[in-house]
Amino acid sequence: MRSTGQGAASTEDIAHLLRTGPFHLALRAALTARGLPLHRVQHRLAARGIKVGVTSLSYWQQGARHPRRPESLRAVRALEQILELPTGTLLRLLTESGRGAGPEAVRPPSRSYRALISVGAAVEELLAGMELPADGGLHTVGHHERVRIGGAGELLGRESQHVVRAHRDGVDRYLAVHHGDPGCDPARVRVQAHDNCRTGRVRWHGEAEVLVAELLFDARLRAGDTYVFGYGFEDGTGGRSTEYVRGFSYTGGQYVLQVRFDEAALPVRCRRFTRSGPGAPSRDLADLTPSGRHRAVHLVEPTVRRGILGIAWDWA
């Protein structure tokens, strides 16, 4: 199971990425900080006489493709103004990386092309239809996630207890993303709203096996307010699961992940790991000791960093 994390980009994050790159992370951080969904960015570009599709913008911020054509580079210059960035900063990252031209920009090496674009593009498409930014104006303070694996090794469901802090006024909802294991049917996945929230709009993309759920808060937050809420996804539609991962776009608060197995299907080995991104090799491997009658393992990350964090297990 793959899950997409959400978080707010700080001024320091953006400044660092504008200095060091890569281009797609700097662009993504700036988009998130401004709270602009891609369809609105597209409209602002169109108002300047620049035609760029939402899919292309999504590919740029995912790192799957880089602007190369003159019209695309013109769009990058306009993006610097729209996102209130210093003139030339995004263009410099393209020039220094050598990815502003050439066919190598189409597919970054050593990463799964489908992993980079399929889910990211699908999520952007769903968010564009909901007219909401992925960031939502919230920063994660703490997140406790509980995952249940069934008797056939399938992902039965997951529950989250989430603590967030608003970084702008008027925030009253959260967008939760569920990406199932291969074979998952997102149309059959059920969203459950628990503490202090209720389910709003739910959209899914069958081919990408991804679902986006809007969770409406019981109160409208002001900048600096914290909020605690709970939600879950009931799945069970995918194949045999071998890992659960969560991606983090920015540094953030504490993350706790617990995976519990059915007694009828116990793994022979479990370990935690990190990855720098989709398709990258696993690092920081460490075996995990089961607890609770050898049915559950967990990890605790006091302060998450950019990248992917997860637990993997072997069935034999």
C-alpha atoms as a PDB file:
ATOM      1  CA  MET A   1       0.000   0.000   0.000  1.00  0.00           C
ATOM      2  CA  ARG A   2       1.290   3.459  -0.840  1.00  0.00           C
ATOM      3  CA  SER A   3      -0.005   6.560   0.845  1.00  0.00           C
ATOM      4  CA  THR A   4       0.593  10.196   0.092  1.00  0.00           C
ATOM      5  CA  GLY A   5       1.470  12.504   2.934  1.00  0.00           C
ATOM      6  CA  GLN A   6       0.614  16.155   3.132  1.00  0.00           C
ATOM      7  CA  GLY A   7       2.303  19.073   4.797  1.00  0.00           C
ATOM      8  CA  ALA A   8       2.949  22.784   4.533  1.00  0.00           C
ATOM      9  CA  ALA A   9       6.112  24.253   3.060  1.00  0.00           C
ATOM     10  CA  SER A  10       7.879  26.726   5.297  1.00  0.00           C
ATOM     11  CA  THR A  11       9.694  29.791   4.018  1.00  0.00           C
ATOM     12  CA  GLU A  12      12.947  28.066   4.916  1.00  0.00           C
ATOM     13  CA  ASP A  13      11.972  24.976   2.896  1.00  0.00           C
ATOM     14  CA  ILE A  14      11.261  27.049  -0.199  1.00  0.00           C
ATOM     15  CA  ALA A  15      14.409  29.161   0.141  1.00  0.00           C
ATOM     16  CA  HIS A  16      16.528  26.031   0.511  1.00  0.00           C
ATOM     17  CA  LEU A  17      14.959  24.319  -2.498  1.00  0.00           C
ATOM     18  CA  LEU A  18      15.331  27.435  -4.655  1.00  0.00           C
ATOM     19  CA  ARG A  19      19.057  27.347  -3.881  1.00  0.00           C
ATOM     20  CA  THR A  20      19.670  23.619  -4.208  1.00  0.00           C
ATOM     21  CA  GLY A  21      16.851  22.216  -6.309  1.00  0.00           C
ATOM     22  CA  PRO A  22      15.777  20.055  -7.868  1.00  0.00           C
ATOM     23  CA  PHE A  23      13.393  22.065  -9.997  1.00  0.00           C
ATOM     24  CA  HIS A  24      10.300  19.909  -9.410  1.00  0.00           C
ATOM     25  CA  LEU A  25      10.585  19.997  -5.604  1.00  0.00           C
ATOM     26  CA  ALA A  26      11.097  23.762  -5.606  1.00  0.00           C
ATOM     27  CA  LEU A  27       8.063  24.216  -7.849  1.00  0.00           C
ATOM     28  CA  ARG A  28       5.936  21.886  -5.714  1.00  0.00           C
ATOM     29  CA  ALA A  29       6.939  23.668  -2.498  1.00  0.00           C
ATOM     30  CA  ALA A  30       6.056  27.063  -3.948  1.00  0.00           C
ATOM     31  CA  LEU A  31       2.686  25.836  -5.218  1.00  0.00           C
ATOM     32  CA  THR A  32       1.862  24.338  -1.824  1.00  0.00           C
ATOM     33  CA  ALA A  33       2.916  27.441   0.088  1.00  0.00           C
ATOM     34  CA  ARG A  34       0.647  29.630  -2.053  1.00  0.00           C
ATOM     35  CA  GLY A  35      -2.250  27.171  -1.747  1.00  0.00           C
ATOM     36  CA  LEU A  36      -2.902  27.233  -5.476  1.00  0.00           C
ATOM     37  CA  PRO A  37      -4.469  24.191  -7.157  1.00  0.00           C
ATOM     38  CA  LEU A  38      -3.115  23.511 -10.619  1.00  0.00           C
ATOM     39  CA  HIS A  39      -6.302  24.444 -12.471  1.00  0.00           C
ATOM     40  CA  ARG A  40      -6.092  27.960 -11.005  1.00  0.00           C
ATOM     41  CA  VAL A  41      -2.441  28.217 -11.968  1.00  0.00           C
ATOM     42  CA  GLN A  42      -3.452  27.183 -15.469  1.00  0.00           C
ATOM     43  CA  HIS A  43      -6.096  29.940 -15.557  1.00  0.00           C
ATOM     44  CA  ARG A  44      -3.574  32.566 -14.419  1.00  0.00           C
ATOM     45  CA  LEU A  45      -1.155  31.467 -17.107  1.00  0.00           C
ATOM     46  CA  ALA A  46      -3.927  31.582 -19.692  1.00  0.00           C
ATOM     47  CA  ALA A  47      -4.714  35.151 -18.621  1.00  0.00           C
ATOM     48  CA  ARG A  48      -1.131  35.993 -19.620  1.00  0.00           C
ATOM     49  CA  GLY A  49      -1.596  34.315 -23.008  1.00  0.00           C
ATOM     50  CA  ILE A  50       0.315  31.145 -22.051  1.00  0.00           C
ATOM     51  CA  LYS A  51      -1.308  27.766 -22.700  1.00  0.00           C
ATOM     52  CA  VAL A  52      -0.157  24.920 -20.444  1.00  0.00           C
ATOM     53  CA  GLY A  53      -2.274  21.927 -19.468  1.00  0.00           C
ATOM     54  CA  VAL A  54      -2.944  20.816 -15.901  1.00  0.00           C
ATOM     55  CA  THR A  55      -1.342  17.464 -16.746  1.00  0.00           C
ATOM     56  CA  SER A  56       1.863  19.160 -17.867  1.00  0.00           C
ATOM     57  CA  LEU A  57       1.997  21.230 -14.681  1.00  0.00           C
ATOM     58  CA  SER A  58       1.483  18.055 -12.662  1.00  0.00           C
ATOM     59  CA  TYR A  59       4.302  16.282 -14.533  1.00  0.00           C
ATOM     60  CA  TRP A  60       6.624  19.245 -13.868  1.00  0.00           C
ATOM     61  CA  GLN A  61       6.048  19.224 -10.118  1.00  0.00           C
ATOM     62  CA  GLN A  62       6.298  15.407  -9.970  1.00  0.00           C
ATOM     63  CA  GLY A  63       9.663  15.396 -11.762  1.00  0.00           C
ATOM     64  CA  ALA A  64       8.358  13.174 -14.551  1.00  0.00           C
ATOM     65  CA  ARG A  65       8.975  15.849 -17.204  1.00  0.00           C
ATOM     66  CA  HIS A  66      10.736  19.183 -17.331  1.00  0.00           C
ATOM     67  CA  PRO A  67       9.884  22.314 -19.348  1.00  0.00           C
ATOM     68  CA  ARG A  68      11.839  22.349 -22.605  1.00  0.00           C
ATOM     69  CA  ARG A  69       9.919  24.129 -25.344  1.00  0.00           C
ATOM     70  CA  PRO A  70      10.053  27.947 -25.620  1.00  0.00           C
ATOM     71  CA  GLU A  71       6.390  28.224 -24.599  1.00  0.00           C
ATOM     72  CA  SER A  72       7.069  26.050 -21.547  1.00  0.00           C
ATOM     73  CA  LEU A  73      10.055  28.160 -20.509  1.00  0.00           C
ATOM     74  CA  ARG A  74       7.901  31.256 -20.920  1.00  0.00           C
ATOM     75  CA  ALA A  75       5.417  29.598 -18.555  1.00  0.00           C
ATOM     76  CA  VAL A  76       8.187  29.048 -15.991  1.00  0.00           C
ATOM     77  CA  ARG A  77       9.030  32.764 -16.059  1.00  0.00           C
ATOM     78  CA  ALA A  78       5.367  33.561 -15.475  1.00  0.00           C
ATOM     79  CA  LEU A  79       5.192  30.998 -12.654  1.00  0.00           C
ATOM     80  CA  GLU A  80       7.936  32.876 -10.824  1.00  0.00           C
ATOM     81  CA  GLN A  81       5.690  35.942 -10.821  1.00  0.00           C
ATOM     82  CA  ILE A  82       2.480  34.062  -9.988  1.00  0.00           C
ATOM     83  CA  LEU A  83       4.165  32.239  -7.087  1.00  0.00           C
ATOM     84  CA  GLU A  84       5.950  35.415  -5.914  1.00  0.00           C
ATOM     85  CA  LEU A  85       9.436  33.965  -6.343  1.00  0.00           C
ATOM     86  CA  PRO A  86      12.624  35.905  -7.078  1.00  0.00           C
ATOM     87  CA  THR A  87      13.067  36.416 -10.813  1.00  0.00           C
ATOM     88  CA  GLY A  88      15.074  33.696 -12.496  1.00  0.00           C
ATOM     89  CA  THR A  89      15.180  31.217  -9.603  1.00  0.00           C
ATOM     90  CA  LEU A  90      13.184  28.423 -11.244  1.00  0.00           C
ATOM     91  CA  LEU A  91      14.843  28.956 -14.627  1.00  0.00           C
ATOM     92  CA  ARG A  92      18.269  28.757 -12.981  1.00  0.00           C
ATOM     93  CA  LEU A  93      17.421  25.355 -11.513  1.00  0.00           C
ATOM     94  CA  LEU A  94      16.464  24.102 -14.966  1.00  0.00           C
ATOM     95  CA  THR A  95      19.679  25.424 -16.502  1.00  0.00           C
ATOM     96  CA  GLU A  96      21.972  24.087 -13.765  1.00  0.00           C
ATOM     97  CA  SER A  97      20.410  20.635 -13.812  1.00  0.00           C
ATOM     98  CA  GLY A  98      20.721  20.420 -17.581  1.00  0.00           C
ATOM     99  CA  ARG A  99      17.128  19.265 -17.730  1.00  0.00           C
ATOM    100  CA  GLY A 100      15.743  22.270 -19.524  1.00  0.00           C
ATOM    101  CA  ALA A 101      16.486  20.522 -22.784  1.00  0.00           C
ATOM    102  CA  GLY A 102      17.110  17.056 -24.082  1.00  0.00           C
ATOM    103  CA  PRO A 103      15.176  13.801 -24.059  1.00  0.00           C
ATOM    104  CA  GLU A 104      16.563  12.725 -20.692  1.00  0.00           C
ATOM    105  CA  ALA A 105      14.089  15.120 -19.092  1.00  0.00           C
ATOM    106  CA  VAL A 106      11.192  12.864 -20.008  1.00  0.00           C
ATOM    107  CA  ARG A 107      12.065  10.000 -17.663  1.00  0.00           C
ATOM    108  CA  PRO A 108      14.318  10.418 -14.616  1.00  0.00           C
ATOM    109  CA  PRO A 109      16.768   7.507 -14.269  1.00  0.00           C
ATOM    110  CA  SER A 110      16.395   4.797 -11.624  1.00  0.00           C
ATOM    111  CA  ARG A 111      12.779   5.658 -10.860  1.00  0.00           C
ATOM    112  CA  SER A 112       9.556   4.014 -11.937  1.00  0.00           C
ATOM    113  CA  TYR A 113       7.876   6.172 -14.566  1.00  0.00           C
ATOM    114  CA  ARG A 114       4.417   4.945 -13.532  1.00  0.00           C
ATOM    115  CA  ALA A 115       5.150   5.539  -9.859  1.00  0.00           C
ATOM    116  CA  LEU A 116       6.216   9.096 -10.601  1.00  0.00           C
ATOM    117  CA  ILE A 117       3.377  10.237 -12.809  1.00  0.00           C
ATOM    118  CA  SER A 118       0.384   7.931 -12.560  1.00  0.00           C
ATOM    119  CA  VAL A 119      -0.648   8.568  -8.979  1.00  0.00           C
ATOM    120  CA  GLY A 120       0.583  12.166  -8.863  1.00  0.00           C
ATOM    121  CA  ALA A 121      -1.199  13.121 -12.058  1.00  0.00           C
ATOM    122  CA  ALA A 122      -4.358  11.300 -10.979  1.00  0.00           C
ATOM    123  CA  VAL A 123      -4.418  13.073  -7.615  1.00  0.00           C
ATOM    124  CA  GLU A 124      -3.905  16.456  -9.279  1.00  0.00           C
ATOM    125  CA  GLU A 125      -6.746  15.688 -11.666  1.00  0.00           C
ATOM    126  CA  LEU A 126      -9.048  14.777  -8.781  1.00  0.00           C
ATOM    127  CA  LEU A 127      -8.051  17.852  -6.771  1.00  0.00           C
ATOM    128  CA  ALA A 128      -8.606  20.093  -9.780  1.00  0.00           C
ATOM    129  CA  GLY A 129     -12.163  18.788 -10.018  1.00  0.00           C
ATOM    130  CA  MET A 130     -12.708  19.525  -6.324  1.00  0.00           C
ATOM    131  CA  GLU A 131     -11.204  23.025  -6.667  1.00  0.00           C
ATOM    132  CA  LEU A 132      -9.074  22.621  -3.548  1.00  0.00           C
ATOM    133  CA  PRO A 133      -5.303  22.853  -3.048  1.00  0.00           C
ATOM    134  CA  ALA A 134      -3.561  19.648  -1.966  1.00  0.00           C
ATOM    135  CA  ASP A 135      -1.978  21.441   0.982  1.00  0.00           C
ATOM    136  CA  GLY A 136      -5.255  22.710   2.421  1.00  0.00           C
ATOM    137  CA  GLY A 137      -3.544  25.254   4.679  1.00  0.00           C
ATOM    138  CA  LEU A 138      -2.562  22.658   7.274  1.00  0.00           C
ATOM    139  CA  HIS A 139       0.686  21.483   8.830  1.00  0.00           C
ATOM    140  CA  THR A 140       0.861  18.064  10.513  1.00  0.00           C
ATOM    141  CA  VAL A 141       1.834  18.190  14.187  1.00  0.00           C
ATOM    142  CA  GLY A 142       1.307  14.487  14.837  1.00  0.00           C
ATOM    143  CA  HIS A 143      -0.125  11.501  13.005  1.00  0.00           C
ATOM    144  CA  HIS A 144      -0.832   8.022  14.421  1.00  0.00           C
ATOM    145  CA  GLU A 145      -1.756   5.511  11.729  1.00  0.00           C
ATOM    146  CA  ARG A 146      -3.005   1.954  12.325  1.00  0.00           C
ATOM    147  CA  VAL A 147      -3.020  -0.535   9.438  1.00  0.00           C
ATOM    148  CA  ARG A 148      -4.827  -3.901   9.434  1.00  0.00           C
ATOM    149  CA  ILE A 149      -3.710  -6.823   7.242  1.00  0.00           C
ATOM    150  CA  GLY A 150      -6.229  -9.631   6.672  1.00  0.00           C
ATOM    151  CA  GLY A 151      -6.068 -13.412   6.657  1.00  0.00           C
ATOM    152  CA  ALA A 152      -5.185 -13.513   2.943  1.00  0.00           C
ATOM    153  CA  GLY A 153      -2.452 -10.918   3.379  1.00  0.00           C
ATOM    154  CA  GLU A 154      -4.610  -8.121   1.971  1.00  0.00           C
ATOM    155  CA  LEU A 155      -4.879  -4.575   3.274  1.00  0.00           C
ATOM    156  CA  LEU A 156      -8.199  -4.614   5.138  1.00  0.00           C
ATOM    157  CA  GLY A 157      -8.114  -0.975   6.180  1.00  0.00           C
ATOM    158  CA  ARG A 158      -6.341   1.798   8.001  1.00  0.00           C
ATOM    159  CA  GLU A 159      -7.267   4.381  10.599  1.00  0.00           C
ATOM    160  CA  SER A 160      -5.661   7.727  11.372  1.00  0.00           C
ATOM    161  CA  GLN A 161      -5.652   9.984  14.388  1.00  0.00           C
ATOM    162  CA  HIS A 162      -4.386  13.296  13.054  1.00  0.00           C
ATOM    163  CA  VAL A 163      -3.267  16.489  14.785  1.00  0.00           C
ATOM    164  CA  VAL A 164      -2.839  19.518  12.518  1.00  0.00           C
ATOM    165  CA  ARG A 165      -2.123  23.230  12.820  1.00  0.00           C
ATOM    166  CA  ALA A 166      -3.586  25.800  10.423  1.00  0.00           C
ATOM    167  CA  HIS A 167      -1.153  28.172   8.760  1.00  0.00           C
ATOM    168  CA  ARG A 168      -3.851  30.429   7.336  1.00  0.00           C
ATOM    169  CA  ASP A 169      -7.331  31.574   8.357  1.00  0.00           C
ATOM    170  CA  GLY A 170     -10.527  29.871   7.279  1.00  0.00           C
ATOM    171  CA  VAL A 171      -9.347  26.253   7.055  1.00  0.00           C
ATOM    172  CA  ASP A 172     -12.263  23.863   7.584  1.00  0.00           C
ATOM    173  CA  ARG A 173     -11.340  20.629   5.806  1.00  0.00           C
ATOM    174  CA  TYR A 174      -8.629  18.071   5.077  1.00  0.00           C
ATOM    175  CA  LEU A 175      -7.970  16.022   1.947  1.00  0.00           C
ATOM    176  CA  ALA A 176      -7.015  12.406   2.635  1.00  0.00           C
ATOM    177  CA  VAL A 177      -5.475  10.316  -0.150  1.00  0.00           C
ATOM    178  CA  HIS A 178      -5.701   6.514  -0.286  1.00  0.00           C
ATOM    179  CA  HIS A 179      -3.587   4.582  -2.795  1.00  0.00           C
ATOM    180  CA  GLY A 180      -4.334   0.874  -2.669  1.00  0.00           C
ATOM    181  CA  ASP A 181      -2.227  -2.162  -3.489  1.00  0.00           C
ATOM    182  CA  PRO A 182      -2.229  -3.551  -7.050  1.00  0.00           C
ATOM    183  CA  GLY A 183      -5.725  -4.736  -7.905  1.00  0.00           C
ATOM    184  CA  CYS A 184      -7.423  -2.245  -5.589  1.00  0.00           C
ATOM    185  CA  ASP A 185     -10.839  -1.018  -6.702  1.00  0.00           C
ATOM    186  CA  PRO A 186     -11.128   2.519  -5.283  1.00  0.00           C
ATOM    187  CA  ALA A 187     -14.847   2.610  -6.122  1.00  0.00           C
ATOM    188  CA  ARG A 188     -15.368  -0.047  -3.441  1.00  0.00           C
ATOM    189  CA  VAL A 189     -13.171   1.555  -0.791  1.00  0.00           C
ATOM    190  CA  ARG A 190     -15.250   3.037   2.045  1.00  0.00           C
ATOM    191  CA  VAL A 191     -14.319   6.282   3.773  1.00  0.00           C
ATOM    192  CA  GLN A 192     -15.025   6.570   7.483  1.00  0.00           C
ATOM    193  CA  ALA A 193     -15.101   9.871   9.358  1.00  0.00           C
ATOM    194  CA  HIS A 194     -14.522   9.495  13.093  1.00  0.00           C
ATOM    195  CA  ASP A 195     -13.659  12.191  15.644  1.00  0.00           C
ATOM    196  CA  ASN A 196     -14.473  15.846  14.888  1.00  0.00           C
ATOM    197  CA  CYS A 197     -15.076  15.521  11.150  1.00  0.00           C
ATOM    198  CA  ARG A 198     -17.557  14.253   8.570  1.00  0.00           C
ATOM    199  CA  THR A 199     -17.160  12.963   5.030  1.00  0.00           C
ATOM    200  CA  GLY A 200     -17.536  15.444   2.190  1.00  0.00           C
ATOM    201  CA  ARG A 201     -16.847  14.751  -1.461  1.00  0.00           C
ATOM    202  CA  VAL A 202     -15.134  11.510  -2.464  1.00  0.00           C
ATOM    203  CA  ARG A 203     -13.473  11.061  -5.858  1.00  0.00           C
ATOM    204  CA  TRP A 204     -11.441   8.181  -7.269  1.00  0.00           C
ATOM    205  CA  HIS A 205      -9.322   7.224 -10.273  1.00  0.00           C
ATOM    206  CA  GLY A 206      -9.695   3.540 -11.131  1.00  0.00           C
ATOM    207  CA  GLU A 207      -6.625   3.118 -13.333  1.00  0.00           C
ATOM    208  CA  ALA A 208      -4.298   4.730 -10.787  1.00  0.00           C
ATOM    209  CA  GLU A 209      -6.032   2.875  -7.905  1.00  0.00           C
ATOM    210  CA  VAL A 210      -6.245   6.097  -5.916  1.00  0.00           C
ATOM    211  CA  LEU A 211      -9.020   7.837  -3.972  1.00  0.00           C
ATOM    212  CA  VAL A 212      -9.265  11.357  -2.528  1.00  0.00           C
ATOM    213  CA  ALA A 213     -11.686  12.047   0.333  1.00  0.00           C
ATOM    214  CA  GLU A 214     -12.702  15.437   1.689  1.00  0.00           C
ATOM    215  CA  LEU A 215     -13.046  15.481   5.488  1.00  0.00           C
ATOM    216  CA  LEU A 216     -15.046  18.444   6.795  1.00  0.00           C
ATOM    217  CA  PHE A 217     -14.132  19.805  10.223  1.00  0.00           C
ATOM    218  CA  ASP A 218     -16.645  20.710  12.908  1.00  0.00           C
ATOM    219  CA  ALA A 219     -15.048  24.152  13.217  1.00  0.00           C
ATOM    220  CA  ARG A 220     -13.375  26.746  10.991  1.00  0.00           C
ATOM    221  CA  LEU A 221      -9.751  27.258  12.022  1.00  0.00           C
ATOM    222  CA  ARG A 222      -7.719  30.422  12.289  1.00  0.00           C
ATOM    223  CA  ALA A 223      -3.999  30.618  11.592  1.00  0.00           C
ATOM    224  CA  GLY A 224      -2.171  28.963  14.478  1.00  0.00           C
ATOM    225  CA  ASP A 225      -5.138  26.891  15.670  1.00  0.00           C
ATOM    226  CA  THR A 226      -4.615  23.156  16.243  1.00  0.00           C
ATOM    227  CA  TYR A 227      -7.209  20.500  15.522  1.00  0.00           C
ATOM    228  CA  VAL A 228      -7.559  16.785  16.292  1.00  0.00           C
ATOM    229  CA  PHE A 229      -9.611  14.504  14.041  1.00  0.00           C
ATOM    230  CA  GLY A 230      -9.869  10.850  13.077  1.00  0.00           C
ATOM    231  CA  TYR A 231     -10.734   9.033   9.870  1.00  0.00           C
ATOM    232  CA  GLY A 232     -10.190   5.727   8.097  1.00  0.00           C
ATOM    233  CA  PHE A 233     -10.440   3.729   4.892  1.00  0.00           C
ATOM    234  CA  GLU A 234     -11.940   0.240   4.613  1.00  0.00           C
ATOM    235  CA  ASP A 235     -10.349  -1.478   1.635  1.00  0.00           C
ATOM    236  CA  GLY A 236      -9.814  -5.246   1.263  1.00  0.00           C
ATOM    237  CA  THR A 237     -10.065  -4.990  -2.549  1.00  0.00           C
ATOM    238  CA  GLY A 238      -6.401  -5.373  -3.484  1.00  0.00           C
ATOM    239  CA  GLY A 239      -3.986  -8.269  -3.697  1.00  0.00           C
ATOM    240  CA  ARG A 240      -1.497  -9.559  -1.147  1.00  0.00           C
ATOM    241  CA  SER A 241       0.270  -6.679   0.548  1.00  0.00           C
ATOM    242  CA  THR A 242       4.012  -6.599   1.236  1.00  0.00           C
ATOM    243  CA  GLU A 243       4.546  -3.085   2.575  1.00  0.00           C
ATOM    244  CA  TYR A 244       2.907   0.093   3.785  1.00  0.00           C
ATOM    245  CA  VAL A 245       4.547   3.409   3.015  1.00  0.00           C
ATOM    246  CA  ARG A 246       3.804   7.085   3.495  1.00  0.00           C
ATOM    247  CA  GLY A 247       5.402   9.906   1.538  1.00  0.00           C
ATOM    248  CA  PHE A 248       6.309  13.242   3.110  1.00  0.00           C
ATOM    249  CA  SER A 249       6.849  16.296   0.929  1.00  0.00           C
ATOM    250  CA  TYR A 250       8.255  18.404   3.761  1.00  0.00           C
ATOM    251  CA  THR A 251       9.691  18.110   7.233  1.00  0.00           C
ATOM    252  CA  GLY A 252       7.010  17.881   9.891  1.00  0.00           C
ATOM    253  CA  GLY A 253       5.864  16.532  13.232  1.00  0.00           C
ATOM    254  CA  GLN A 254       5.738  13.083  14.770  1.00  0.00           C
ATOM    255  CA  TYR A 255       4.556  10.064  12.791  1.00  0.00           C
ATOM    256  CA  VAL A 256       3.627   6.690  14.318  1.00  0.00           C
ATOM    257  CA  LEU A 257       2.798   3.701  12.119  1.00  0.00           C
ATOM    258  CA  GLN A 258       1.433   0.428  13.479  1.00  0.00           C
ATOM    259  CA  VAL A 259       0.760  -2.622  11.282  1.00  0.00           C
ATOM    260  CA  ARG A 260      -1.323  -5.476  12.727  1.00  0.00           C
ATOM    261  CA  PHE A 261      -1.581  -8.897  11.087  1.00  0.00           C
ATOM    262  CA  ASP A 262      -4.311 -11.522  11.204  1.00  0.00           C
ATOM    263  CA  GLU A 263      -3.337 -14.681  13.101  1.00  0.00           C
ATOM    264  CA  ALA A 264      -4.061 -16.677   9.943  1.00  0.00           C
ATOM    265  CA  ALA A 265      -1.349 -14.817   7.994  1.00  0.00           C
ATOM    266  CA  LEU A 266       1.747 -13.894   9.997  1.00  0.00           C
ATOM    267  CA  PRO A 267       4.864 -12.654   8.189  1.00  0.00           C
ATOM    268  CA  VAL A 268       8.235 -14.269   8.777  1.00  0.00           C
ATOM    269  CA  ARG A 269      10.086 -10.962   8.909  1.00  0.00           C
ATOM    270  CA  CYS A 270       9.263  -7.255   9.276  1.00  0.00           C
ATOM    271  CA  ARG A 271      11.521  -4.221   8.899  1.00  0.00           C
ATOM    272  CA  ARG A 272      11.281  -0.466   8.643  1.00  0.00           C
ATOM    273  CA  PHE A 273      12.936   1.498   5.840  1.00  0.00           C
ATOM    274  CA  THR A 274      13.233   4.871   4.175  1.00  0.00           C
ATOM    275  CA  ARG A 275      13.449   5.852   0.506  1.00  0.00           C
ATOM    276  CA  SER A 276      14.375   9.131  -1.098  1.00  0.00           C
ATOM    277  CA  GLY A 277      11.500   8.833  -3.552  1.00  0.00           C
ATOM    278  CA  PRO A 278       9.356   6.477  -5.689  1.00  0.00           C
ATOM    279  CA  GLY A 279      11.438   3.689  -7.216  1.00  0.00           C
ATOM    280  CA  ALA A 280      14.532   4.575  -5.157  1.00  0.00           C
ATOM    281  CA  PRO A 281      16.302   1.817  -3.181  1.00  0.00           C
ATOM    282  CA  SER A 282      15.366   1.222   0.454  1.00  0.00           C
ATOM    283  CA  ARG A 283      17.747   2.595   3.084  1.00  0.00           C
ATOM    284  CA  ASP A 284      18.082   2.626   6.875  1.00  0.00           C
ATOM    285  CA  LEU A 285      16.755  -0.935   7.112  1.00  0.00           C
ATOM    286  CA  ALA A 286      16.028  -2.156  10.638  1.00  0.00           C
ATOM    287  CA  ASP A 287      14.261  -5.311  11.792  1.00  0.00           C
ATOM    288  CA  LEU A 288      11.141  -4.788  13.879  1.00  0.00           C
ATOM    289  CA  THR A 289      10.170  -6.959  16.831  1.00  0.00           C
ATOM    290  CA  PRO A 290       6.489  -7.967  16.873  1.00  0.00           C
ATOM    291  CA  SER A 291       4.423  -7.295  19.968  1.00  0.00           C
ATOM    292  CA  GLY A 292       0.917  -8.184  21.121  1.00  0.00           C
ATOM    293  CA  ARG A 293       1.134 -11.958  20.637  1.00  0.00           C
ATOM    294  CA  HIS A 294       3.441 -11.457  17.637  1.00  0.00           C
ATOM    295  CA  ARG A 295       0.749  -9.810  15.565  1.00  0.00           C
ATOM    296  CA  ALA A 296       1.845  -6.160  15.379  1.00  0.00           C
ATOM    297  CA  VAL A 297       4.896  -4.073  14.559  1.00  0.00           C
ATOM    298  CA  HIS A 298       5.341  -0.327  14.688  1.00  0.00           C
ATOM    299  CA  LEU A 299       7.700   2.568  14.072  1.00  0.00           C
ATOM    300  CA  VAL A 300       7.941   6.015  15.621  1.00  0.00           C
ATOM    301  CA  GLU A 301       9.516   8.941  13.791  1.00  0.00           C
ATOM    302  CA  PRO A 302       9.778  11.970  16.126  1.00  0.00           C
ATOM    303  CA  THR A 303      10.260  14.449  13.264  1.00  0.00           C
ATOM    304  CA  VAL A 304       9.587  13.344   9.706  1.00  0.00           C
ATOM    305  CA  ARG A 305      11.827  14.397   6.855  1.00  0.00           C
ATOM    306  CA  ARG A 306      11.197  14.676   3.134  1.00  0.00           C
ATOM    307  CA  GLY A 307      10.975  11.272   1.487  1.00  0.00           C
ATOM    308  CA  ILE A 308       9.258   7.952   2.059  1.00  0.00           C
ATOM    309  CA  LEU A 309       8.953   6.040   5.325  1.00  0.00           C
ATOM    310  CA  GLY A 310       7.430   2.604   5.733  1.00  0.00           C
ATOM    311  CA  ILE A 311       7.304  -0.963   6.990  1.00  0.00           C
ATOM    312  CA  ALA A 312       7.851  -3.992   4.734  1.00  0.00           C
ATOM    313  CA  TRP A 313       7.287  -7.656   5.492  1.00  0.00           C
ATOM    314  CA  ASP A 314       8.105 -11.070   3.985  1.00  0.00           C
ATOM    315  CA  TRP A 315       5.530 -13.861   3.808  1.00  0.00           C
ATOM    316  CA  ALA A 316       8.073 -16.644   3.273  1.00  0.00           C
END
